Amino acid sequence: MIRVLVVDDHPMMRAGISVEINTEPDMIVVGEAIDGHEAIRQFRLHKPEVMLIDMRMPNMGGLETISKIREEFPAARIVVLTTAAGDFHAMRAFRAGASGYLFKDMLGSELVKTIRLVHQGQRCIPDEIASKLLSASGEAELTVRELDVLRRAARGLSNKLIAEDMNISEHTVKGYLKNIMAKLQANDRTHAVTISIQRGFFDV
């Protein structure tokens, strides 16, 4: 039996996933969790073959949870469940240690297949995300500082207010924005913000 742990803060989502898995002759849900803290406790208790985890949860989100579990259990096989289509979301998930990435609207047709493939040691990436990751693979990555500037720009702060908020000069902010626009191939700061939201650099 493939023993599965389901982690999602929405009860109806957990229930639906569990019913689908438990109807399969070779799978069983051994535990459920509503956030990262509970997921880690449940993983230690049940040591499932595959864990399904939502990216966005209260208290401790999916990325941090994946990283902590993989630190303690390097062989853990984890599938991310998400509504986020941005390639940066997927990139962060795989870097944290995920083996699969599945959109929630694909659960009915792909869930069981993905669990089996990940259990066999394969990686599962939706075609839509795989093509985005491939096209973005040659791009320069934004630094942490550039992301900090971009988040503030997304909130509508002027260069002056960004500078004050980050305790840097306005000239430095302009330099960061110039680098950001070059890396994202954006026409202006508004275009850069739009691209970053579409790709999932941060949540708004």
Protein backbone atom coordinates (compact mmCIF):
# COMPACT_ATOMS: atom_id res chain seq x y z
CA MET A 1 0.00 0.00 0.00
CA ILE A 2 1.14 3.53 -0.79
CA ARG A 3 0.66 5.39 2.50
CA VAL A 4 -0.27 9.04 1.96
CA LEU A 5 -0.31 12.09 4.23
CA VAL A 6 -2.67 14.91 3.16
CA VAL A 7 -1.85 18.46 4.28
CA ASP A 8 -4.30 21.28 3.52
CA ASP A 9 -6.04 23.84 5.71
CA HIS A 10 -9.41 23.43 3.94
CA PRO A 11 -11.47 20.55 5.41
CA MET A 12 -13.47 19.96 2.22
CA MET A 13 -10.29 19.73 0.14
CA ARG A 14 -8.73 17.24 2.56
CA ALA A 15 -11.92 15.18 2.62
CA GLY A 16 -12.21 15.09 -1.16
CA ILE A 17 -8.59 14.07 -1.63
CA SER A 18 -8.83 11.39 1.05
CA VAL A 19 -11.95 9.84 -0.47
CA GLU A 20 -10.31 9.71 -3.90
CA ILE A 21 -7.15 8.09 -2.55
CA ASN A 22 -8.91 5.59 -0.30
CA THR A 23 -10.98 4.24 -3.18
CA GLU A 24 -7.77 3.00 -4.85
CA PRO A 25 -6.82 -0.60 -3.98
CA ASP A 26 -3.12 0.22 -3.54
CA MET A 27 -3.37 3.47 -1.56
CA ILE A 28 -4.47 4.65 1.87
CA VAL A 29 -4.51 7.99 3.67
CA VAL A 30 -2.69 7.48 6.96
CA GLY A 31 -2.99 11.02 8.27
CA GLU A 32 -4.20 14.58 7.68
CA ALA A 33 -2.84 17.95 8.79
CA ILE A 34 -4.02 21.55 8.58
CA ASP A 35 -0.66 23.34 8.70
CA GLY A 36 3.08 22.79 8.58
CA HIS A 37 3.56 22.16 12.29
CA GLU A 38 0.96 19.40 12.30
CA ALA A 39 2.35 18.03 9.03
CA ILE A 40 5.78 17.54 10.57
CA ARG A 41 4.27 15.77 13.60
CA GLN A 42 2.15 13.53 11.37
CA PHE A 43 5.11 12.75 9.11
CA ARG A 44 7.22 11.68 12.09
CA LEU A 45 4.37 9.52 13.35
CA HIS A 46 3.32 7.80 10.11
CA LYS A 47 6.40 8.13 7.84
CA PRO A 48 4.22 8.10 4.69
CA GLU A 49 5.52 7.07 1.27
CA VAL A 50 4.03 10.23 -0.28
CA MET A 51 2.92 13.54 1.23
CA LEU A 52 0.51 15.92 -0.51
CA ILE A 53 0.83 19.51 0.71
CA ASP A 54 -0.81 22.84 -0.04
CA MET A 55 1.54 25.77 -0.66
CA ARG A 56 -0.52 28.34 1.24
CA MET A 57 -1.42 27.50 4.83
CA PRO A 58 -1.56 29.36 8.14
CA ASN A 59 1.18 29.21 10.79
CA MET A 60 3.72 27.45 8.57
CA GLY A 61 3.41 27.39 4.79
CA GLY A 62 4.22 24.65 2.33
CA LEU A 63 7.74 25.71 1.35
CA GLU A 64 9.03 25.92 4.91
CA THR A 65 7.33 22.63 5.78
CA ILE A 66 8.88 20.84 2.81
CA SER A 67 12.34 22.13 3.71
CA LYS A 68 12.06 21.04 7.34
CA ILE A 69 10.74 17.58 6.48
CA ARG A 70 13.43 17.03 3.86
CA GLU A 71 16.10 18.04 6.38
CA GLU A 72 14.87 15.33 8.74
CA PHE A 73 13.77 12.82 6.08
CA PRO A 74 15.96 13.30 2.96
CA ALA A 75 14.13 10.57 1.04
CA ALA A 76 10.66 12.08 1.63
CA ARG A 77 8.52 12.17 -1.51
CA ILE A 78 6.35 15.27 -1.58
CA VAL A 79 3.75 16.57 -4.02
CA VAL A 80 2.76 20.23 -3.90
CA LEU A 81 -0.93 21.06 -4.40
CA THR A 82 -1.50 24.61 -5.60
CA THR A 83 -3.64 27.08 -7.49
CA ALA A 84 -0.54 29.14 -8.40
CA ALA A 85 0.55 28.83 -12.03
CA GLY A 86 3.73 30.92 -11.77
CA ASP A 87 7.03 29.25 -12.63
CA PHE A 88 8.75 30.86 -9.64
CA HIS A 89 6.32 29.11 -7.24
CA ALA A 90 7.24 25.78 -8.84
CA MET A 91 10.96 26.55 -8.85
CA ARG A 92 10.91 27.32 -5.13
CA ALA A 93 8.92 24.15 -4.42
CA PHE A 94 11.39 21.91 -6.25
CA ARG A 95 14.36 23.64 -4.66
CA ALA A 96 12.80 23.01 -1.26
CA GLY A 97 12.61 19.29 -2.09
CA ALA A 98 9.26 18.62 -3.77
CA SER A 99 9.00 15.75 -6.24
CA GLY A 100 5.70 16.74 -7.83
CA TYR A 101 3.64 19.84 -8.54
CA LEU A 102 -0.07 19.54 -9.15
CA PHE A 103 -2.76 22.15 -9.77
CA LYS A 104 -5.83 21.67 -7.59
CA ASP A 105 -8.14 21.82 -10.60
CA MET A 106 -6.32 18.75 -11.98
CA LEU A 107 -6.88 16.56 -8.93
CA GLY A 108 -9.66 14.46 -10.41
CA SER A 109 -7.69 13.33 -13.43
CA GLU A 110 -4.07 13.47 -12.27
CA LEU A 111 -3.93 12.94 -8.50
CA VAL A 112 -3.68 9.16 -8.36
CA LYS A 113 -1.34 9.04 -11.36
CA THR A 114 0.96 11.62 -9.77
CA ILE A 115 1.07 9.78 -6.44
CA ARG A 116 2.07 6.53 -8.18
CA LEU A 117 4.78 8.18 -10.28
CA VAL A 118 6.27 10.08 -7.35
CA HIS A 119 6.17 6.90 -5.26
CA GLN A 120 8.22 5.23 -8.01
CA GLY A 121 10.84 7.96 -7.69
CA GLN A 122 9.82 10.08 -10.67
CA ARG A 123 9.23 13.81 -10.84
CA CYS A 124 5.86 15.13 -11.99
CA ILE A 125 5.56 18.62 -13.46
CA PRO A 126 2.50 19.86 -15.41
CA ASP A 127 3.35 20.66 -19.04
CA GLU A 128 2.31 24.28 -18.54
CA ILE A 129 4.80 24.73 -15.70
CA ALA A 130 7.54 22.65 -17.34
CA SER A 131 7.54 24.89 -20.42
CA LYS A 132 7.67 28.01 -18.26
CA LEU A 133 10.57 26.63 -16.22
CA LEU A 134 12.43 25.78 -19.41
CA SER A 135 11.95 29.24 -20.90
CA ALA A 136 12.98 30.90 -17.63
CA SER A 137 16.02 28.70 -17.03
CA GLY A 138 18.39 31.03 -18.83
CA GLU A 139 17.20 34.19 -17.10
CA ALA A 140 19.13 35.96 -14.37
CA GLU A 141 17.46 35.55 -10.99
CA LEU A 142 16.30 38.44 -8.87
CA THR A 143 18.23 38.95 -5.65
CA VAL A 144 16.54 39.08 -2.25
CA ARG A 145 17.09 42.85 -2.18
CA GLU A 146 15.57 43.28 -5.63
CA LEU A 147 12.53 41.28 -4.55
CA ASP A 148 12.21 43.53 -1.48
CA VAL A 149 12.14 46.59 -3.76
CA LEU A 150 9.68 44.94 -6.14
CA ARG A 151 7.28 44.02 -3.32
CA ARG A 152 7.17 47.63 -2.23
CA ALA A 153 6.68 48.82 -5.79
CA ALA A 154 3.76 46.36 -6.07
CA ARG A 155 2.20 48.07 -3.04
CA GLY A 156 2.30 51.34 -4.97
CA LEU A 157 5.14 52.99 -3.06
CA SER A 158 7.12 55.68 -4.88
CA ASN A 159 10.89 55.43 -5.21
CA LYS A 160 11.25 57.92 -2.38
CA LEU A 161 8.99 55.93 -0.05
CA ILE A 162 10.72 52.67 -0.96
CA ALA A 163 14.05 54.29 -0.12
CA GLU A 164 12.76 55.51 3.24
CA ASP A 165 11.17 52.17 4.06
CA MET A 166 14.36 50.23 3.24
CA ASN A 167 16.73 52.85 4.68
CA ILE A 168 18.60 53.24 1.39
CA SER A 169 19.02 56.13 -1.06
CA GLU A 170 16.53 56.91 -3.79
CA HIS A 171 19.39 56.54 -6.27
CA THR A 172 19.94 52.97 -5.04
CA VAL A 173 16.24 52.19 -5.48
CA LYS A 174 16.40 53.43 -9.07
CA GLY A 175 19.41 51.16 -9.63
CA TYR A 176 17.55 48.14 -8.27
CA LEU A 177 14.53 48.89 -10.45
CA LYS A 178 16.74 49.24 -13.52
CA ASN A 179 18.28 45.83 -12.84
CA ILE A 180 14.86 44.29 -12.19
CA MET A 181 13.42 45.61 -15.46
CA ALA A 182 16.44 44.33 -17.39
CA LYS A 183 16.20 40.85 -15.84
CA LEU A 184 12.44 40.60 -16.41
CA GLN A 185 12.61 42.30 -19.81
CA ALA A 186 10.00 44.76 -18.56
CA ASN A 187 9.20 48.09 -20.18
CA ASP A 188 8.70 49.95 -16.89
CA ARG A 189 8.16 49.32 -13.18
CA THR A 190 4.43 48.64 -13.63
CA HIS A 191 5.22 46.03 -16.26
CA ALA A 192 7.84 44.52 -13.95
CA VAL A 193 5.31 44.24 -11.13
CA THR A 194 2.78 42.60 -13.47
CA ILE A 195 5.34 40.04 -14.66
CA SER A 196 6.46 39.26 -11.11
CA ILE A 197 2.90 38.63 -9.93
CA GLN A 198 2.15 36.40 -12.95
CA ARG A 199 5.29 34.36 -12.30
CA GLY A 200 4.59 34.05 -8.58
CA PHE A 201 7.59 35.94 -7.18
CA PHE A 202 5.38 36.96 -4.26
CA ASP A 203 1.74 36.90 -3.22
CA VAL A 204 -0.42 40.02 -3.34
